Amino acid sequence: MGARRQIDEVLARYMRATDQRDGVAQAALFAPGGAIQVWSRSSDGEYVAAAPEFRAEDIAAVVAKVIGPHAPGSFSHHVTMDHLITVAGREAHLSAQFIVYEVRPAPEPPVRPSESGYYEMDLVLTEDGWRIARSDVMMDLPAS
């Protein structure tokens, strides 16, 4: 499997871990010292930090305590598209658009989009394969 396909698979595993609220699996995709930062658009269209930066070693706890499980009967599904991947030796960058769909029980609409934006990820090739060195989640929606 080529580098681009391997990197694409890292994103796929990241999305599944996010949808399943599996912080341990999500954290395992990061390189040691890796970080994630969530950004929201301000009213003037500029990105501003929407949450503190988290290190790889904190991701499992953040998913469990801050994000938490889905409400009973609810789920989420990330859809990514338009992946742009550049590889330079043992470093790479992935840019992908995303939309998150919420699946809710009645009487709410059963499936609805809830988030959208871009994943901007820097990756490094480690002895364990490609790992995320930095993930910037660029949300299109303003911070609430």
N, C-alpha and C. Protein backbone atom coordinates (compact mmCIF):
# COMPACT_ATOMS: atom_id res chain seq x y z
N MET A 1 0.85 -1.17 0.00
CA MET A 1 0.00 0.00 0.00
C MET A 1 0.90 1.24 0.00
N GLY A 2 0.63 2.17 -0.91
CA GLY A 2 1.43 3.38 -1.02
C GLY A 2 1.19 4.36 0.13
N ALA A 3 2.07 5.33 0.25
CA ALA A 3 2.00 6.31 1.34
C ALA A 3 0.68 7.06 1.34
N ARG A 4 0.21 7.51 0.19
CA ARG A 4 -1.03 8.28 0.15
C ARG A 4 -2.21 7.45 0.64
N ARG A 5 -2.26 6.20 0.24
CA ARG A 5 -3.35 5.32 0.69
C ARG A 5 -3.24 5.07 2.20
N GLN A 6 -2.04 4.89 2.71
CA GLN A 6 -1.85 4.69 4.15
C GLN A 6 -2.31 5.92 4.93
N ILE A 7 -2.00 7.09 4.43
CA ILE A 7 -2.41 8.34 5.09
C ILE A 7 -3.92 8.49 5.04
N ASP A 8 -4.50 8.16 3.90
CA ASP A 8 -5.96 8.20 3.76
C ASP A 8 -6.62 7.26 4.78
N GLU A 9 -5.98 6.12 5.03
CA GLU A 9 -6.52 5.17 6.00
C GLU A 9 -6.41 5.70 7.43
N VAL A 10 -5.37 6.46 7.73
CA VAL A 10 -5.28 7.10 9.05
C VAL A 10 -6.50 7.99 9.27
N LEU A 11 -6.86 8.78 8.26
CA LEU A 11 -8.04 9.64 8.37
C LEU A 11 -9.31 8.81 8.56
N ALA A 12 -9.45 7.73 7.81
CA ALA A 12 -10.63 6.87 7.94
C ALA A 12 -10.74 6.30 9.36
N ARG A 13 -9.63 5.85 9.90
CA ARG A 13 -9.64 5.31 11.27
C ARG A 13 -9.94 6.41 12.30
N TYR A 14 -9.42 7.59 12.05
CA TYR A 14 -9.69 8.74 12.93
C TYR A 14 -11.19 9.05 12.95
N MET A 15 -11.81 9.06 11.76
CA MET A 15 -13.25 9.36 11.67
C MET A 15 -14.08 8.31 12.40
N ARG A 16 -13.74 7.05 12.19
CA ARG A 16 -14.49 5.98 12.86
C ARG A 16 -14.34 6.07 14.38
N ALA A 17 -13.13 6.33 14.85
CA ALA A 17 -12.92 6.47 16.29
C ALA A 17 -13.71 7.66 16.83
N THR A 18 -13.74 8.75 16.08
CA THR A 18 -14.51 9.92 16.50
C THR A 18 -15.99 9.59 16.58
N ASP A 19 -16.52 8.96 15.54
CA ASP A 19 -17.94 8.60 15.53
C ASP A 19 -18.30 7.64 16.66
N GLN A 20 -17.38 6.75 17.00
CA GLN A 20 -17.63 5.77 18.07
C GLN A 20 -17.27 6.30 19.45
N ARG A 21 -16.77 7.54 19.51
CA ARG A 21 -16.33 8.15 20.77
C ARG A 21 -15.29 7.28 21.46
N ASP A 22 -14.37 6.73 20.65
CA ASP A 22 -13.32 5.86 21.14
C ASP A 22 -12.02 6.66 21.22
N GLY A 23 -11.83 7.33 22.35
CA GLY A 23 -10.67 8.17 22.54
C GLY A 23 -9.36 7.41 22.56
N VAL A 24 -9.38 6.17 23.01
CA VAL A 24 -8.16 5.36 23.04
C VAL A 24 -7.70 5.08 21.61
N ALA A 25 -8.64 4.67 20.75
CA ALA A 25 -8.29 4.41 19.34
C ALA A 25 -7.87 5.69 18.64
N GLN A 26 -8.53 6.78 18.96
CA GLN A 26 -8.19 8.07 18.34
C GLN A 26 -6.77 8.49 18.75
N ALA A 27 -6.47 8.40 20.02
CA ALA A 27 -5.15 8.81 20.52
C ALA A 27 -4.04 7.95 19.93
N ALA A 28 -4.32 6.68 19.65
CA ALA A 28 -3.32 5.78 19.09
C ALA A 28 -2.87 6.19 17.69
N LEU A 29 -3.64 7.02 17.02
CA LEU A 29 -3.30 7.48 15.68
C LEU A 29 -2.33 8.65 15.68
N PHE A 30 -2.02 9.18 16.85
CA PHE A 30 -1.13 10.33 16.99
C PHE A 30 0.30 9.90 17.29
N ALA A 31 1.24 10.65 16.77
CA ALA A 31 2.65 10.45 17.10
C ALA A 31 2.88 10.96 18.52
N PRO A 32 3.91 10.47 19.20
CA PRO A 32 4.23 11.02 20.52
C PRO A 32 4.42 12.54 20.42
N GLY A 33 3.79 13.25 21.33
CA GLY A 33 3.87 14.71 21.32
C GLY A 33 2.92 15.37 20.34
N GLY A 34 2.13 14.57 19.63
CA GLY A 34 1.17 15.12 18.67
C GLY A 34 0.12 15.96 19.37
N ALA A 35 -0.57 16.80 18.60
CA ALA A 35 -1.55 17.72 19.19
C ALA A 35 -2.74 17.89 18.26
N ILE A 36 -3.85 18.29 18.86
CA ILE A 36 -5.07 18.61 18.11
C ILE A 36 -5.60 19.95 18.59
N GLN A 37 -6.06 20.75 17.67
CA GLN A 37 -6.63 22.06 17.97
C GLN A 37 -7.91 22.22 17.15
N VAL A 38 -8.97 22.66 17.81
CA VAL A 38 -10.25 22.92 17.13
C VAL A 38 -10.40 24.42 16.97
N TRP A 39 -10.77 24.84 15.76
CA TRP A 39 -10.94 26.24 15.42
C TRP A 39 -12.36 26.47 14.93
N SER A 40 -12.92 27.65 15.18
CA SER A 40 -14.23 28.06 14.66
C SER A 40 -14.05 29.38 13.92
N ARG A 41 -14.97 29.63 13.00
CA ARG A 41 -14.91 30.89 12.27
C ARG A 41 -15.56 31.99 13.10
N SER A 42 -14.93 33.14 13.11
CA SER A 42 -15.53 34.30 13.79
C SER A 42 -16.50 34.96 12.81
N SER A 43 -17.19 35.98 13.27
CA SER A 43 -18.17 36.66 12.42
C SER A 43 -17.52 37.31 11.21
N ASP A 44 -16.22 37.62 11.29
CA ASP A 44 -15.54 38.21 10.13
C ASP A 44 -14.87 37.16 9.24
N GLY A 45 -15.11 35.87 9.53
CA GLY A 45 -14.58 34.80 8.69
C GLY A 45 -13.21 34.29 9.08
N GLU A 46 -12.57 34.91 10.06
CA GLU A 46 -11.26 34.45 10.52
C GLU A 46 -11.44 33.28 11.49
N TYR A 47 -10.44 32.43 11.54
CA TYR A 47 -10.50 31.30 12.48
C TYR A 47 -9.96 31.72 13.84
N VAL A 48 -10.66 31.29 14.90
CA VAL A 48 -10.24 31.53 16.27
C VAL A 48 -10.28 30.19 17.02
N ALA A 49 -9.41 30.04 18.00
CA ALA A 49 -9.38 28.80 18.77
C ALA A 49 -10.72 28.62 19.48
N ALA A 50 -11.31 27.43 19.32
CA ALA A 50 -12.61 27.14 19.94
C ALA A 50 -12.46 26.32 21.21
N ALA A 51 -11.26 25.78 21.43
CA ALA A 51 -10.98 24.96 22.61
C ALA A 51 -9.47 24.98 22.81
N PRO A 52 -9.03 24.60 23.97
CA PRO A 52 -7.57 24.53 24.18
C PRO A 52 -6.95 23.47 23.28
N GLU A 53 -5.67 23.62 22.98
CA GLU A 53 -4.94 22.58 22.26
C GLU A 53 -4.77 21.39 23.20
N PHE A 54 -4.97 20.19 22.65
CA PHE A 54 -4.80 18.98 23.45
C PHE A 54 -3.66 18.15 22.88
N ARG A 55 -2.89 17.56 23.75
CA ARG A 55 -1.79 16.68 23.37
C ARG A 55 -2.33 15.26 23.21
N ALA A 56 -1.60 14.44 22.46
CA ALA A 56 -2.01 13.07 22.18
C ALA A 56 -2.32 12.30 23.47
N GLU A 57 -1.50 12.52 24.50
CA GLU A 57 -1.70 11.77 25.74
C GLU A 57 -2.98 12.18 26.49
N ASP A 58 -3.60 13.30 26.09
CA ASP A 58 -4.83 13.76 26.75
C ASP A 58 -6.09 13.43 25.96
N ILE A 59 -5.95 12.96 24.72
CA ILE A 59 -7.10 12.79 23.84
C ILE A 59 -8.11 11.80 24.40
N ALA A 60 -7.68 10.66 24.90
CA ALA A 60 -8.62 9.67 25.41
C ALA A 60 -9.47 10.26 26.53
N ALA A 61 -8.86 10.99 27.45
CA ALA A 61 -9.60 11.60 28.56
C ALA A 61 -10.54 12.69 28.06
N VAL A 62 -10.11 13.48 27.09
CA VAL A 62 -10.97 14.54 26.55
C VAL A 62 -12.20 13.94 25.89
N VAL A 63 -12.01 12.89 25.10
CA VAL A 63 -13.15 12.26 24.44
C VAL A 63 -14.11 11.71 25.48
N ALA A 64 -13.59 11.06 26.52
CA ALA A 64 -14.45 10.47 27.54
C ALA A 64 -15.16 11.51 28.40
N LYS A 65 -14.44 12.57 28.81
CA LYS A 65 -14.99 13.51 29.78
C LYS A 65 -15.62 14.75 29.17
N VAL A 66 -15.05 15.26 28.09
CA VAL A 66 -15.55 16.50 27.51
C VAL A 66 -16.57 16.23 26.42
N ILE A 67 -16.22 15.38 25.48
CA ILE A 67 -17.14 15.07 24.38
C ILE A 67 -18.22 14.12 24.87
N GLY A 68 -17.83 13.05 25.54
CA GLY A 68 -18.77 12.11 26.11
C GLY A 68 -19.48 11.26 25.07
N PRO A 69 -20.25 10.31 25.54
CA PRO A 69 -20.95 9.41 24.63
C PRO A 69 -22.12 10.12 23.93
N HIS A 70 -22.60 9.50 22.87
CA HIS A 70 -23.79 10.00 22.21
C HIS A 70 -25.00 9.80 23.13
N ALA A 71 -26.02 10.62 22.93
CA ALA A 71 -27.27 10.43 23.66
C ALA A 71 -27.86 9.07 23.28
N PRO A 72 -28.64 8.46 24.15
CA PRO A 72 -29.24 7.16 23.83
C PRO A 72 -29.96 7.19 22.48
N GLY A 73 -29.67 6.20 21.66
CA GLY A 73 -30.31 6.10 20.35
C GLY A 73 -29.73 7.02 19.30
N SER A 74 -28.68 7.77 19.63
CA SER A 74 -28.09 8.72 18.69
C SER A 74 -26.71 8.25 18.26
N PHE A 75 -26.30 8.69 17.08
CA PHE A 75 -25.00 8.33 16.51
C PHE A 75 -24.51 9.50 15.68
N SER A 76 -23.27 9.41 15.21
CA SER A 76 -22.77 10.40 14.25
C SER A 76 -22.00 9.68 13.16
N HIS A 77 -21.97 10.30 12.00
CA HIS A 77 -21.24 9.76 10.86
C HIS A 77 -20.49 10.89 10.19
N HIS A 78 -19.17 10.79 10.16
CA HIS A 78 -18.33 11.75 9.46
C HIS A 78 -18.21 11.34 8.00
N VAL A 79 -18.35 12.29 7.13
CA VAL A 79 -18.11 12.07 5.71
C VAL A 79 -17.00 13.03 5.31
N THR A 80 -15.93 12.49 4.74
CA THR A 80 -14.85 13.34 4.26
C THR A 80 -14.77 13.25 2.75
N MET A 81 -14.28 14.32 2.15
CA MET A 81 -14.17 14.34 0.70
C MET A 81 -13.05 15.27 0.28
N ASP A 82 -12.72 15.20 -1.00
CA ASP A 82 -11.72 16.09 -1.60
C ASP A 82 -10.40 16.06 -0.84
N HIS A 83 -9.89 14.86 -0.60
CA HIS A 83 -8.63 14.69 0.13
C HIS A 83 -7.47 15.17 -0.73
N LEU A 84 -6.67 16.07 -0.18
CA LEU A 84 -5.44 16.53 -0.80
C LEU A 84 -4.29 16.06 0.08
N ILE A 85 -3.43 15.22 -0.47
CA ILE A 85 -2.34 14.64 0.30
C ILE A 85 -1.02 14.94 -0.39
N THR A 86 -0.09 15.51 0.38
CA THR A 86 1.26 15.73 -0.13
C THR A 86 2.23 14.98 0.77
N VAL A 87 3.18 14.32 0.17
CA VAL A 87 4.17 13.54 0.91
C VAL A 87 5.55 14.05 0.53
N ALA A 88 6.35 14.32 1.56
CA ALA A 88 7.74 14.74 1.36
C ALA A 88 8.60 13.90 2.29
N GLY A 89 9.08 12.78 1.79
CA GLY A 89 9.90 11.89 2.62
C GLY A 89 9.09 11.27 3.73
N ARG A 90 9.47 11.56 4.96
CA ARG A 90 8.80 10.97 6.14
C ARG A 90 7.77 11.92 6.75
N GLU A 91 7.43 12.98 6.03
CA GLU A 91 6.42 13.93 6.49
C GLU A 91 5.34 14.06 5.42
N ALA A 92 4.13 14.37 5.87
CA ALA A 92 3.03 14.51 4.92
C ALA A 92 2.02 15.51 5.47
N HIS A 93 1.18 16.00 4.56
CA HIS A 93 0.07 16.87 4.95
C HIS A 93 -1.19 16.36 4.26
N LEU A 94 -2.27 16.31 5.00
CA LEU A 94 -3.57 15.91 4.48
C LEU A 94 -4.55 17.03 4.74
N SER A 95 -5.29 17.42 3.72
CA SER A 95 -6.36 18.40 3.85
C SER A 95 -7.62 17.74 3.32
N ALA A 96 -8.69 17.74 4.11
CA ALA A 96 -9.93 17.10 3.69
C ALA A 96 -11.12 17.90 4.19
N GLN A 97 -12.13 18.04 3.35
CA GLN A 97 -13.39 18.64 3.77
C GLN A 97 -14.18 17.58 4.54
N PHE A 98 -15.02 18.04 5.48
CA PHE A 98 -15.86 17.07 6.19
C PHE A 98 -17.24 17.64 6.48
N ILE A 99 -18.18 16.73 6.63
CA ILE A 99 -19.52 17.02 7.12
C ILE A 99 -19.84 15.93 8.14
N VAL A 100 -20.40 16.31 9.27
CA VAL A 100 -20.83 15.35 10.29
C VAL A 100 -22.35 15.30 10.26
N TYR A 101 -22.86 14.09 10.17
CA TYR A 101 -24.31 13.88 10.23
C TYR A 101 -24.67 13.28 11.57
N GLU A 102 -25.67 13.84 12.22
CA GLU A 102 -26.21 13.27 13.45
C GLU A 102 -27.38 12.38 13.10
N VAL A 103 -27.45 11.24 13.76
CA VAL A 103 -28.58 10.34 13.61
C VAL A 103 -29.28 10.34 14.95
N ARG A 104 -30.54 10.77 14.95
CA ARG A 104 -31.29 10.93 16.19
C ARG A 104 -32.58 10.13 16.14
N PRO A 105 -33.08 9.73 17.30
CA PRO A 105 -34.39 9.05 17.32
C PRO A 105 -35.52 10.06 17.09
N ALA A 106 -36.67 9.56 16.68
CA ALA A 106 -37.85 10.42 16.48
C ALA A 106 -38.18 11.07 17.82
N PRO A 107 -38.79 12.23 17.86
CA PRO A 107 -39.46 12.91 16.76
C PRO A 107 -38.56 13.88 15.99
N GLU A 108 -37.26 13.99 16.36
CA GLU A 108 -36.37 14.88 15.64
C GLU A 108 -36.12 14.34 14.24
N PRO A 109 -35.68 15.21 13.32
CA PRO A 109 -35.31 14.67 12.01
C PRO A 109 -34.28 13.55 12.22
N PRO A 110 -34.48 12.40 11.62
CA PRO A 110 -33.62 11.25 11.92
C PRO A 110 -32.16 11.44 11.52
N VAL A 111 -31.89 12.14 10.44
CA VAL A 111 -30.52 12.39 10.01
C VAL A 111 -30.41 13.85 9.61
N ARG A 112 -29.41 14.54 10.19
CA ARG A 112 -29.24 15.95 9.84
C ARG A 112 -27.77 16.32 9.94
N PRO A 113 -27.32 17.22 9.06
CA PRO A 113 -25.94 17.68 9.17
C PRO A 113 -25.80 18.56 10.41
N SER A 114 -24.69 18.41 11.11
CA SER A 114 -24.49 19.19 12.34
C SER A 114 -23.18 19.98 12.35
N GLU A 115 -22.18 19.55 11.59
CA GLU A 115 -20.89 20.23 11.56
C GLU A 115 -20.30 20.12 10.17
N SER A 116 -19.45 21.07 9.84
CA SER A 116 -18.71 20.98 8.58
C SER A 116 -17.43 21.78 8.72
N GLY A 117 -16.50 21.49 7.84
CA GLY A 117 -15.23 22.21 7.87
C GLY A 117 -14.15 21.45 7.16
N TYR A 118 -12.91 21.62 7.65
CA TYR A 118 -11.74 21.01 7.04
C TYR A 118 -10.87 20.38 8.11
N TYR A 119 -10.29 19.25 7.78
CA TYR A 119 -9.23 18.67 8.60
C TYR A 119 -7.92 19.02 7.92
N GLU A 120 -7.03 19.63 8.66
CA GLU A 120 -5.68 19.93 8.19
C GLU A 120 -4.74 19.16 9.11
N MET A 121 -4.14 18.10 8.58
CA MET A 121 -3.31 17.22 9.40
C MET A 121 -1.89 17.14 8.86
N ASP A 122 -0.94 17.28 9.77
CA ASP A 122 0.45 16.99 9.47
C ASP A 122 0.74 15.61 10.04
N LEU A 123 1.37 14.77 9.24
CA LEU A 123 1.67 13.40 9.65
C LEU A 123 3.16 13.13 9.53
N VAL A 124 3.63 12.17 10.32
CA VAL A 124 5.02 11.73 10.25
C VAL A 124 5.03 10.20 10.14
N LEU A 125 6.02 9.71 9.43
CA LEU A 125 6.18 8.26 9.30
C LEU A 125 7.04 7.78 10.46
N THR A 126 6.45 6.92 11.29
CA THR A 126 7.16 6.36 12.45
C THR A 126 7.41 4.88 12.17
N GLU A 127 8.07 4.22 13.10
CA GLU A 127 8.29 2.78 12.94
C GLU A 127 6.97 2.01 12.99
N ASP A 128 5.91 2.64 13.50
CA ASP A 128 4.58 2.02 13.56
C ASP A 128 3.68 2.45 12.40
N GLY A 129 4.23 3.18 11.45
CA GLY A 129 3.44 3.66 10.31
C GLY A 129 3.18 5.16 10.43
N TRP A 130 2.31 5.66 9.58
CA TRP A 130 1.99 7.09 9.57
C TRP A 130 1.18 7.43 10.81
N ARG A 131 1.57 8.53 11.47
CA ARG A 131 0.88 9.01 12.67
C ARG A 131 0.67 10.51 12.54
N ILE A 132 -0.37 11.00 13.20
CA ILE A 132 -0.71 12.42 13.17
C ILE A 132 0.22 13.18 14.11
N ALA A 133 0.91 14.17 13.57
CA ALA A 133 1.76 15.03 14.40
C ALA A 133 0.95 16.23 14.88
N ARG A 134 0.07 16.71 14.03
CA ARG A 134 -0.80 17.84 14.38
C ARG A 134 -2.07 17.75 13.57
N SER A 135 -3.20 17.97 14.25
CA SER A 135 -4.49 18.02 13.58
C SER A 135 -5.18 19.33 13.93
N ASP A 136 -5.47 20.12 12.90
CA ASP A 136 -6.26 21.34 13.08
C ASP A 136 -7.62 21.09 12.48
N VAL A 137 -8.64 21.17 13.32
CA VAL A 137 -10.02 20.98 12.88
C VAL A 137 -10.61 22.37 12.67
N MET A 138 -10.83 22.70 11.41
CA MET A 138 -11.25 24.05 11.02
C MET A 138 -12.76 24.04 10.80
N MET A 139 -13.51 24.37 11.85
CA MET A 139 -14.98 24.34 11.80
C MET A 139 -15.52 25.56 11.04
N ASP A 140 -16.49 25.30 10.18
CA ASP A 140 -17.13 26.39 9.45
C ASP A 140 -18.10 27.18 10.31
N LEU A 141 -18.65 26.53 11.33
CA LEU A 141 -19.66 27.17 12.17
C LEU A 141 -19.02 28.06 13.21
N PRO A 142 -19.62 29.19 13.50
CA PRO A 142 -19.07 30.05 14.56
C PRO A 142 -19.12 29.37 15.91
N ALA A 143 -18.21 29.73 16.79
CA ALA A 143 -18.22 29.20 18.15
C ALA A 143 -19.52 29.64 18.83
N SER A 144 -20.07 28.73 19.64
CA SER A 144 -21.34 29.07 20.31
C SER A 144 -21.09 29.59 21.71
